[in-house]
Amino acid sequence: MQTRHYGSSGPVVILIHGGPGASGYMAPVARELADSFQVMEPLQRVSGGEPLTVSRHIADLHELIESNCEDTRPTLVGHSWGAMLALAYAAAHPGRVASIVLIGCGTFDAATREQLKIARDERTDDSLRQRLARLRKEIPDPDRRLEAMGNLTLSLYSYDLITTHLEVEVYDSRAHRESWEDMVRLQDNGMYPAALSAIDVPVLMLHGTVDPHPGRMIRASLEEYLPQIEYREWDRCGHYPWLEKAVRDEFFAALREWLTR
């Protein structure tokens, strides 16, 4: 697993990208924090060989932390799927992290997954629906197709972005499918979110009201197991708050304040 390092002093922060299977796009957050923090940005394992599972990603993250954070407990800052992975890691290794930040957290049960689907469907007009339907025929390569799908649907997840260039390094369709299917399997068999009750460190959830991921509903699904969770949301903000014109500065101010507590 490749890891990019930023900054040379300050508390240790590990940024965990989402997707799954879309690595590299947390770089703008890393660059912004590098003046005050030691930031690591792991690019999650790509597909090939053994199937990618939640436990495999947890093991990779643990190897990174054990190798680089021997004398300190880092803060995990995860986005979307990465927020879910941050929670899964902290539950598997209690006491190994200092705190957790969830940005645009993904869904942990069938009800929130359904609400996400409804929100996306409501925002998808006929023209976009037709373009998405043609992708499999027009773009046979599944990785390039995942990239094209992400570009076409970015507007469904956003309000008013500074840029539509997300800086994704690698699109990996198989990694996306295997990792997400395993997470859903673990939810369906009752492991998550119940296992998150092992987490006893502070947790902050940052969310935009325009994000189709239902923030308040996701928070409610987690509160039974994470009563310590704090919640902050912004209007005029979608799934990528560090790129939203209206809230970018407020987002980074809130993130920095939490990281320096």
C-alpha atoms as a PDB file:
ATOM      1  CA  MET A   1       0.000   0.000   0.000  1.00  0.00           C
ATOM      2  CA  GLN A   2       1.529   3.303  -1.109  1.00  0.00           C
ATOM      3  CA  THR A   3       1.395   6.159   1.398  1.00  0.00           C
ATOM      4  CA  ARG A   4       2.042   9.853   0.741  1.00  0.00           C
ATOM      5  CA  HIS A   5       3.473  11.979   3.553  1.00  0.00           C
ATOM      6  CA  TYR A   6       2.942  15.709   4.147  1.00  0.00           C
ATOM      7  CA  GLY A   7       4.263  18.048   6.836  1.00  0.00           C
ATOM      8  CA  SER A   8       7.043  17.472   9.325  1.00  0.00           C
ATOM      9  CA  SER A   9       5.698  18.521  12.715  1.00  0.00           C
ATOM     10  CA  GLY A  10       2.552  18.542  14.797  1.00  0.00           C
ATOM     11  CA  PRO A  11      -0.036  15.887  15.655  1.00  0.00           C
ATOM     12  CA  VAL A  12      -0.248  12.857  13.370  1.00  0.00           C
ATOM     13  CA  VAL A  13      -3.274  12.692  11.070  1.00  0.00           C
ATOM     14  CA  ILE A  14      -4.151   9.841   8.709  1.00  0.00           C
ATOM     15  CA  LEU A  15      -6.503  10.670   5.827  1.00  0.00           C
ATOM     16  CA  ILE A  16      -8.553   7.745   4.526  1.00  0.00           C
ATOM     17  CA  HIS A  17     -10.089   8.110   1.086  1.00  0.00           C
ATOM     18  CA  GLY A  18     -13.443   6.803  -0.001  1.00  0.00           C
ATOM     19  CA  GLY A  19     -14.711   5.069  -3.097  1.00  0.00           C
ATOM     20  CA  PRO A  20     -13.856   2.397  -2.383  1.00  0.00           C
ATOM     21  CA  GLY A  21     -11.458   2.021  -5.285  1.00  0.00           C
ATOM     22  CA  ALA A  22     -10.807   5.737  -5.885  1.00  0.00           C
ATOM     23  CA  SER A  23      -7.491   6.691  -4.344  1.00  0.00           C
ATOM     24  CA  GLY A  24      -5.619   9.984  -4.184  1.00  0.00           C
ATOM     25  CA  TYR A  25      -8.366  12.578  -3.916  1.00  0.00           C
ATOM     26  CA  MET A  26      -7.667  13.450  -0.269  1.00  0.00           C
ATOM     27  CA  ALA A  27      -4.488  15.230  -1.412  1.00  0.00           C
ATOM     28  CA  PRO A  28      -6.058  18.733  -1.240  1.00  0.00           C
ATOM     29  CA  VAL A  29      -6.984  18.132   2.406  1.00  0.00           C
ATOM     30  CA  ALA A  30      -3.496  16.839   3.137  1.00  0.00           C
ATOM     31  CA  ARG A  31      -1.836  19.869   1.555  1.00  0.00           C
ATOM     32  CA  GLU A  32      -4.039  22.246   3.544  1.00  0.00           C
ATOM     33  CA  LEU A  33      -3.144  20.566   6.848  1.00  0.00           C
ATOM     34  CA  ALA A  34       0.572  20.063   6.150  1.00  0.00           C
ATOM     35  CA  ASP A  35       1.632  23.368   7.756  1.00  0.00           C
ATOM     36  CA  SER A  36       0.508  22.236  11.216  1.00  0.00           C
ATOM     37  CA  PHE A  37       0.251  18.448  11.147  1.00  0.00           C
ATOM     38  CA  GLN A  38       2.139  15.340  10.114  1.00  0.00           C
ATOM     39  CA  VAL A  39      -0.240  13.912   7.534  1.00  0.00           C
ATOM     40  CA  MET A  40      -0.273  10.464   5.982  1.00  0.00           C
ATOM     41  CA  GLU A  41      -2.473   9.687   2.975  1.00  0.00           C
ATOM     42  CA  PRO A  42      -2.534   5.922   2.331  1.00  0.00           C
ATOM     43  CA  LEU A  43      -3.695   4.820  -1.095  1.00  0.00           C
ATOM     44  CA  GLN A  44      -5.690   1.718  -0.316  1.00  0.00           C
ATOM     45  CA  ARG A  45      -4.714  -1.689  -1.681  1.00  0.00           C
ATOM     46  CA  VAL A  46      -5.669  -2.250  -5.310  1.00  0.00           C
ATOM     47  CA  SER A  47      -7.473  -5.342  -6.519  1.00  0.00           C
ATOM     48  CA  GLY A  48      -5.776  -8.523  -7.652  1.00  0.00           C
ATOM     49  CA  GLY A  49      -5.006 -11.786  -5.916  1.00  0.00           C
ATOM     50  CA  GLU A  50      -7.044 -12.255  -2.760  1.00  0.00           C
ATOM     51  CA  PRO A  51     -10.489 -10.596  -2.646  1.00  0.00           C
ATOM     52  CA  LEU A  52     -10.541  -7.207  -0.925  1.00  0.00           C
ATOM     53  CA  THR A  53     -12.445  -7.285   2.354  1.00  0.00           C
ATOM     54  CA  VAL A  54     -13.010  -4.919   5.236  1.00  0.00           C
ATOM     55  CA  SER A  55     -10.662  -7.018   7.366  1.00  0.00           C
ATOM     56  CA  ARG A  56      -7.946  -6.788   4.687  1.00  0.00           C
ATOM     57  CA  HIS A  57      -8.229  -2.976   4.642  1.00  0.00           C
ATOM     58  CA  ILE A  58      -8.163  -2.902   8.453  1.00  0.00           C
ATOM     59  CA  ALA A  59      -4.995  -5.024   8.462  1.00  0.00           C
ATOM     60  CA  ASP A  60      -3.323  -2.723   5.938  1.00  0.00           C
ATOM     61  CA  LEU A  61      -4.195   0.335   7.997  1.00  0.00           C
ATOM     62  CA  HIS A  62      -2.929  -1.330  11.167  1.00  0.00           C
ATOM     63  CA  GLU A  63       0.390  -2.134   9.508  1.00  0.00           C
ATOM     64  CA  LEU A  64       0.727   1.524   8.501  1.00  0.00           C
ATOM     65  CA  ILE A  65      -0.021   2.755  12.017  1.00  0.00           C
ATOM     66  CA  GLU A  66       2.245   0.253  13.737  1.00  0.00           C
ATOM     67  CA  SER A  67       5.103   1.142  11.367  1.00  0.00           C
ATOM     68  CA  ASN A  68       4.734   4.922  11.573  1.00  0.00           C
ATOM     69  CA  CYS A  69       3.046   5.726  14.888  1.00  0.00           C
ATOM     70  CA  GLU A  70       4.898   3.631  17.435  1.00  0.00           C
ATOM     71  CA  ASP A  71       4.909   6.330  20.134  1.00  0.00           C
ATOM     72  CA  THR A  72       1.733   8.216  19.275  1.00  0.00           C
ATOM     73  CA  ARG A  73      -1.946   7.717  18.611  1.00  0.00           C
ATOM     74  CA  PRO A  74      -2.991   9.316  15.327  1.00  0.00           C
ATOM     75  CA  THR A  75      -6.325  10.888  14.491  1.00  0.00           C
ATOM     76  CA  LEU A  76      -8.139   9.161  11.645  1.00  0.00           C
ATOM     77  CA  VAL A  77      -9.931  11.451   9.196  1.00  0.00           C
ATOM     78  CA  GLY A  78     -12.036   9.413   6.802  1.00  0.00           C
ATOM     79  CA  HIS A  79     -14.249  10.488   3.920  1.00  0.00           C
ATOM     80  CA  SER A  80     -17.311   8.524   2.747  1.00  0.00           C
ATOM     81  CA  TRP A  81     -16.245   4.849   2.599  1.00  0.00           C
ATOM     82  CA  GLY A  82     -13.039   5.996   4.310  1.00  0.00           C
ATOM     83  CA  ALA A  83     -15.061   7.245   7.274  1.00  0.00           C
ATOM     84  CA  MET A  84     -16.621   3.794   7.558  1.00  0.00           C
ATOM     85  CA  LEU A  85     -13.185   2.171   7.372  1.00  0.00           C
ATOM     86  CA  ALA A  86     -11.889   4.527  10.080  1.00  0.00           C
ATOM     87  CA  LEU A  87     -14.680   3.395  12.400  1.00  0.00           C
ATOM     88  CA  ALA A  88     -14.132  -0.272  11.527  1.00  0.00           C
ATOM     89  CA  TYR A  89     -10.426   0.082  12.309  1.00  0.00           C
ATOM     90  CA  ALA A  90     -11.011   1.841  15.638  1.00  0.00           C
ATOM     91  CA  ALA A  91     -13.497  -0.857  16.649  1.00  0.00           C
ATOM     92  CA  ALA A  92     -11.008  -3.608  15.803  1.00  0.00           C
ATOM     93  CA  HIS A  93      -8.113  -1.873  17.596  1.00  0.00           C
ATOM     94  CA  PRO A  94      -9.525  -0.007  20.621  1.00  0.00           C
ATOM     95  CA  GLY A  95      -7.199   2.596  22.062  1.00  0.00           C
ATOM     96  CA  ARG A  96      -4.909   2.732  19.025  1.00  0.00           C
ATOM     97  CA  VAL A  97      -6.207   6.078  17.732  1.00  0.00           C
ATOM     98  CA  ALA A  98      -6.716   9.413  19.486  1.00  0.00           C
ATOM     99  CA  SER A  99      -9.947  10.447  17.781  1.00  0.00           C
ATOM    100  CA  ILE A 100     -11.916  10.046  14.558  1.00  0.00           C
ATOM    101  CA  VAL A 101     -13.365  12.522  12.055  1.00  0.00           C
ATOM    102  CA  LEU A 102     -16.079  11.354   9.671  1.00  0.00           C
ATOM    103  CA  ILE A 103     -16.525  13.518   6.562  1.00  0.00           C
ATOM    104  CA  GLY A 104     -19.593  12.714   4.468  1.00  0.00           C
ATOM    105  CA  CYS A 105     -19.852   9.364   6.238  1.00  0.00           C
ATOM    106  CA  GLY A 106     -21.222   6.403   4.323  1.00  0.00           C
ATOM    107  CA  THR A 107     -24.240   4.299   5.205  1.00  0.00           C
ATOM    108  CA  PHE A 108     -24.296   1.607   7.901  1.00  0.00           C
ATOM    109  CA  ASP A 109     -27.712   0.019   7.382  1.00  0.00           C
ATOM    110  CA  ALA A 110     -30.304  -0.809   4.744  1.00  0.00           C
ATOM    111  CA  ALA A 111     -32.533   2.164   5.606  1.00  0.00           C
ATOM    112  CA  THR A 112     -29.806   4.765   5.045  1.00  0.00           C
ATOM    113  CA  ARG A 113     -28.641   2.979   1.885  1.00  0.00           C
ATOM    114  CA  GLU A 114     -32.190   3.168   0.539  1.00  0.00           C
ATOM    115  CA  GLN A 115     -32.482   6.856   1.395  1.00  0.00           C
ATOM    116  CA  LEU A 116     -29.203   7.536  -0.428  1.00  0.00           C
ATOM    117  CA  LYS A 117     -30.561   5.729  -3.489  1.00  0.00           C
ATOM    118  CA  ILE A 118     -33.804   7.724  -3.355  1.00  0.00           C
ATOM    119  CA  ALA A 119     -31.924  11.039  -3.120  1.00  0.00           C
ATOM    120  CA  ARG A 120     -29.711  10.190  -6.084  1.00  0.00           C
ATOM    121  CA  ASP A 121     -32.666   8.987  -8.170  1.00  0.00           C
ATOM    122  CA  GLU A 122     -34.580  12.199  -7.465  1.00  0.00           C
ATOM    123  CA  ARG A 123     -31.648  14.284  -8.690  1.00  0.00           C
ATOM    124  CA  THR A 124     -31.037  12.249 -11.854  1.00  0.00           C
ATOM    125  CA  ASP A 125     -32.842  13.668 -14.893  1.00  0.00           C
ATOM    126  CA  ASP A 126     -33.708  11.665 -17.987  1.00  0.00           C
ATOM    127  CA  SER A 127     -30.690  12.915 -19.930  1.00  0.00           C
ATOM    128  CA  LEU A 128     -28.221  11.806 -17.260  1.00  0.00           C
ATOM    129  CA  ARG A 129     -30.043   8.508 -16.804  1.00  0.00           C
ATOM    130  CA  GLN A 130     -29.681   7.791 -20.526  1.00  0.00           C
ATOM    131  CA  ARG A 131     -25.988   8.715 -20.534  1.00  0.00           C
ATOM    132  CA  LEU A 132     -25.337   6.409 -17.590  1.00  0.00           C
ATOM    133  CA  ALA A 133     -27.217   3.582 -19.296  1.00  0.00           C
ATOM    134  CA  ARG A 134     -24.934   3.864 -22.356  1.00  0.00           C
ATOM    135  CA  LEU A 135     -21.683   3.666 -20.391  1.00  0.00           C
ATOM    136  CA  ARG A 136     -21.328  -0.113 -20.379  1.00  0.00           C
ATOM    137  CA  LYS A 137     -21.523  -0.209 -24.172  1.00  0.00           C
ATOM    138  CA  GLU A 138     -19.455   2.925 -24.789  1.00  0.00           C
ATOM    139  CA  ILE A 139     -16.691   2.176 -22.246  1.00  0.00           C
ATOM    140  CA  PRO A 140     -15.955  -1.570 -21.968  1.00  0.00           C
ATOM    141  CA  ASP A 141     -13.076  -1.108 -19.495  1.00  0.00           C
ATOM    142  CA  PRO A 142     -14.614  -1.225 -15.986  1.00  0.00           C
ATOM    143  CA  ASP A 143     -12.046   1.111 -14.403  1.00  0.00           C
ATOM    144  CA  ARG A 144     -12.516   3.786 -17.046  1.00  0.00           C
ATOM    145  CA  ARG A 145     -16.270   3.277 -16.764  1.00  0.00           C
ATOM    146  CA  LEU A 146     -16.121   3.861 -12.995  1.00  0.00           C
ATOM    147  CA  GLU A 147     -14.217   7.092 -13.659  1.00  0.00           C
ATOM    148  CA  ALA A 148     -16.760   8.231 -16.228  1.00  0.00           C
ATOM    149  CA  MET A 149     -19.640   7.401 -13.896  1.00  0.00           C
ATOM    150  CA  GLY A 150     -18.017   9.434 -11.129  1.00  0.00           C
ATOM    151  CA  ASN A 151     -17.551  12.434 -13.403  1.00  0.00           C
ATOM    152  CA  LEU A 152     -21.116  12.259 -14.711  1.00  0.00           C
ATOM    153  CA  THR A 153     -22.694  11.997 -11.254  1.00  0.00           C
ATOM    154  CA  LEU A 154     -20.490  14.496  -9.380  1.00  0.00           C
ATOM    155  CA  SER A 155     -23.202  17.146  -9.648  1.00  0.00           C
ATOM    156  CA  LEU A 156     -25.618  14.873  -7.757  1.00  0.00           C
ATOM    157  CA  TYR A 157     -23.285  15.007  -4.758  1.00  0.00           C
ATOM    158  CA  SER A 158     -22.336  18.699  -4.835  1.00  0.00           C
ATOM    159  CA  TYR A 159     -23.617  22.245  -4.394  1.00  0.00           C
ATOM    160  CA  ASP A 160     -21.108  24.708  -5.923  1.00  0.00           C
ATOM    161  CA  LEU A 161     -17.573  23.387  -6.229  1.00  0.00           C
ATOM    162  CA  ILE A 162     -14.332  25.321  -6.606  1.00  0.00           C
ATOM    163  CA  THR A 163     -13.246  22.670  -9.102  1.00  0.00           C
ATOM    164  CA  THR A 164     -14.638  19.445 -10.513  1.00  0.00           C
ATOM    165  CA  HIS A 165     -11.169  17.908 -10.681  1.00  0.00           C
ATOM    166  CA  LEU A 166     -11.061  15.531  -7.705  1.00  0.00           C
ATOM    167  CA  GLU A 167      -7.406  14.447  -8.151  1.00  0.00           C
ATOM    168  CA  VAL A 168      -8.248  10.734  -8.144  1.00  0.00           C
ATOM    169  CA  GLU A 169      -5.049   8.800  -8.909  1.00  0.00           C
ATOM    170  CA  VAL A 170      -6.498   5.336  -9.550  1.00  0.00           C
ATOM    171  CA  TYR A 171      -9.991   4.074 -10.306  1.00  0.00           C
ATOM    172  CA  ASP A 172     -10.322   0.383  -9.457  1.00  0.00           C
ATOM    173  CA  SER A 173     -13.724  -1.093 -10.252  1.00  0.00           C
ATOM    174  CA  ARG A 174     -12.973  -4.504  -8.793  1.00  0.00           C
ATOM    175  CA  ALA A 175     -11.696  -2.994  -5.542  1.00  0.00           C
ATOM    176  CA  HIS A 176     -14.846  -0.903  -5.366  1.00  0.00           C
ATOM    177  CA  ARG A 177     -17.123  -3.897  -5.847  1.00  0.00           C
ATOM    178  CA  GLU A 178     -15.314  -6.340  -3.556  1.00  0.00           C
ATOM    179  CA  SER A 179     -14.799  -3.897  -0.683  1.00  0.00           C
ATOM    180  CA  TRP A 180     -18.315  -2.519  -0.715  1.00  0.00           C
ATOM    181  CA  GLU A 181     -19.981  -5.910  -1.071  1.00  0.00           C
ATOM    182  CA  ASP A 182     -18.075  -7.146   1.963  1.00  0.00           C
ATOM    183  CA  MET A 183     -19.116  -4.115   4.010  1.00  0.00           C
ATOM    184  CA  VAL A 184     -22.763  -4.674   3.096  1.00  0.00           C
ATOM    185  CA  ARG A 185     -22.407  -8.370   3.983  1.00  0.00           C
ATOM    186  CA  LEU A 186     -21.047  -7.456   7.416  1.00  0.00           C
ATOM    187  CA  GLN A 187     -23.909  -5.031   7.951  1.00  0.00           C
ATOM    188  CA  ASP A 188     -26.482  -7.596   6.894  1.00  0.00           C
ATOM    189  CA  ASN A 189     -25.097 -10.228   9.267  1.00  0.00           C
ATOM    190  CA  GLY A 190     -25.270  -7.776  12.178  1.00  0.00           C
ATOM    191  CA  MET A 191     -21.597  -7.016  12.723  1.00  0.00           C
ATOM    192  CA  TYR A 192     -21.914  -3.325  11.829  1.00  0.00           C
ATOM    193  CA  PRO A 193     -22.778  -0.924  13.244  1.00  0.00           C
ATOM    194  CA  ALA A 194     -22.986  -2.931  16.512  1.00  0.00           C
ATOM    195  CA  ALA A 195     -19.213  -3.542  16.623  1.00  0.00           C
ATOM    196  CA  LEU A 196     -18.623   0.207  16.789  1.00  0.00           C
ATOM    197  CA  SER A 197     -19.644   0.159  20.464  1.00  0.00           C
ATOM    198  CA  ALA A 198     -16.012  -0.841  21.179  1.00  0.00           C
ATOM    199  CA  ILE A 199     -14.902   2.690  20.234  1.00  0.00           C
ATOM    200  CA  ASP A 200     -14.386   4.940  23.258  1.00  0.00           C
ATOM    201  CA  VAL A 201     -12.499   7.856  21.677  1.00  0.00           C
ATOM    202  CA  PRO A 202     -14.069  11.169  20.545  1.00  0.00           C
ATOM    203  CA  VAL A 203     -15.828  11.087  17.164  1.00  0.00           C
ATOM    204  CA  LEU A 204     -16.753  14.111  15.040  1.00  0.00           C
ATOM    205  CA  MET A 205     -19.099  13.873  12.059  1.00  0.00           C
ATOM    206  CA  LEU A 206     -18.921  16.653   9.434  1.00  0.00           C
ATOM    207  CA  HIS A 207     -21.655  16.670   6.803  1.00  0.00           C
ATOM    208  CA  GLY A 208     -23.283  18.809   4.138  1.00  0.00           C
ATOM    209  CA  THR A 209     -27.044  19.114   3.860  1.00  0.00           C
ATOM    210  CA  VAL A 210     -26.806  18.769   0.064  1.00  0.00           C
ATOM    211  CA  ASP A 211     -24.942  15.465   0.343  1.00  0.00           C
ATOM    212  CA  PRO A 212     -27.315  12.692  -0.793  1.00  0.00           C
ATOM    213  CA  HIS A 213     -25.902  10.557   2.020  1.00  0.00           C
ATOM    214  CA  PRO A 214     -28.530  11.304   4.698  1.00  0.00           C
ATOM    215  CA  GLY A 215     -26.326  12.829   7.385  1.00  0.00           C
ATOM    216  CA  ARG A 216     -28.778  13.109  10.246  1.00  0.00           C
ATOM    217  CA  MET A 217     -30.172   9.665   9.517  1.00  0.00           C
ATOM    218  CA  ILE A 218     -26.665   8.173   9.484  1.00  0.00           C
ATOM    219  CA  ARG A 219     -25.870   9.916  12.762  1.00  0.00           C
ATOM    220  CA  ALA A 220     -29.035   8.469  14.303  1.00  0.00           C
ATOM    221  CA  SER A 221     -28.037   4.974  13.154  1.00  0.00           C
ATOM    222  CA  LEU A 222     -24.659   5.370  14.877  1.00  0.00           C
ATOM    223  CA  GLU A 223     -25.620   7.128  18.111  1.00  0.00           C
ATOM    224  CA  GLU A 224     -26.784   3.961  19.862  1.00  0.00           C
ATOM    225  CA  TYR A 225     -23.257   2.580  19.521  1.00  0.00           C
ATOM    226  CA  LEU A 226     -21.338   5.878  19.544  1.00  0.00           C
ATOM    227  CA  PRO A 227     -23.103   8.084  22.098  1.00  0.00           C
ATOM    228  CA  GLN A 228     -20.066  10.383  22.149  1.00  0.00           C
ATOM    229  CA  ILE A 229     -20.471  11.362  18.477  1.00  0.00           C
ATOM    230  CA  GLU A 230     -20.545  15.104  17.766  1.00  0.00           C
ATOM    231  CA  TYR A 231     -22.282  16.371  14.641  1.00  0.00           C
ATOM    232  CA  ARG A 232     -21.711  19.467  12.520  1.00  0.00           C
ATOM    233  CA  GLU A 233     -23.416  20.171   9.237  1.00  0.00           C
ATOM    234  CA  TRP A 234     -23.441  22.990   6.706  1.00  0.00           C
ATOM    235  CA  ASP A 235     -26.013  24.240   4.230  1.00  0.00           C
ATOM    236  CA  ARG A 236     -24.831  24.808   0.653  1.00  0.00           C
ATOM    237  CA  CYS A 237     -22.481  21.879   1.074  1.00  0.00           C
ATOM    238  CA  GLY A 238     -22.354  18.486  -0.587  1.00  0.00           C
ATOM    239  CA  HIS A 239     -20.167  15.405  -0.283  1.00  0.00           C
ATOM    240  CA  TYR A 240     -16.813  17.203  -0.689  1.00  0.00           C
ATOM    241  CA  PRO A 241     -16.833  20.121   1.778  1.00  0.00           C
ATOM    242  CA  TRP A 242     -13.184  21.041   1.158  1.00  0.00           C
ATOM    243  CA  LEU A 243     -14.163  21.860  -2.443  1.00  0.00           C
ATOM    244  CA  GLU A 244     -17.397  23.745  -1.728  1.00  0.00           C
ATOM    245  CA  LYS A 245     -17.072  27.505  -2.269  1.00  0.00           C
ATOM    246  CA  ALA A 246     -19.537  28.443   0.462  1.00  0.00           C
ATOM    247  CA  VAL A 247     -18.096  26.387   3.332  1.00  0.00           C
ATOM    248  CA  ARG A 248     -14.487  25.489   2.512  1.00  0.00           C
ATOM    249  CA  ASP A 249     -12.997  27.908   5.052  1.00  0.00           C
ATOM    250  CA  GLU A 250     -15.487  26.923   7.757  1.00  0.00           C
ATOM    251  CA  PHE A 251     -14.819  23.266   7.092  1.00  0.00           C
ATOM    252  CA  PHE A 252     -11.065  23.577   7.514  1.00  0.00           C
ATOM    253  CA  ALA A 253     -11.491  25.787  10.600  1.00  0.00           C
ATOM    254  CA  ALA A 254     -13.681  23.131  12.234  1.00  0.00           C
ATOM    255  CA  LEU A 255     -11.303  20.340  11.237  1.00  0.00           C
ATOM    256  CA  ARG A 256      -8.231  22.191  12.523  1.00  0.00           C
ATOM    257  CA  GLU A 257      -9.926  23.050  15.800  1.00  0.00           C
ATOM    258  CA  TRP A 258     -10.772  19.392  16.387  1.00  0.00           C
ATOM    259  CA  LEU A 259      -7.300  18.163  15.444  1.00  0.00           C
ATOM    260  CA  THR A 260      -5.602  20.551  17.882  1.00  0.00           C
ATOM    261  CA  ARG A 261      -7.800  19.755  20.891  1.00  0.00           C
END
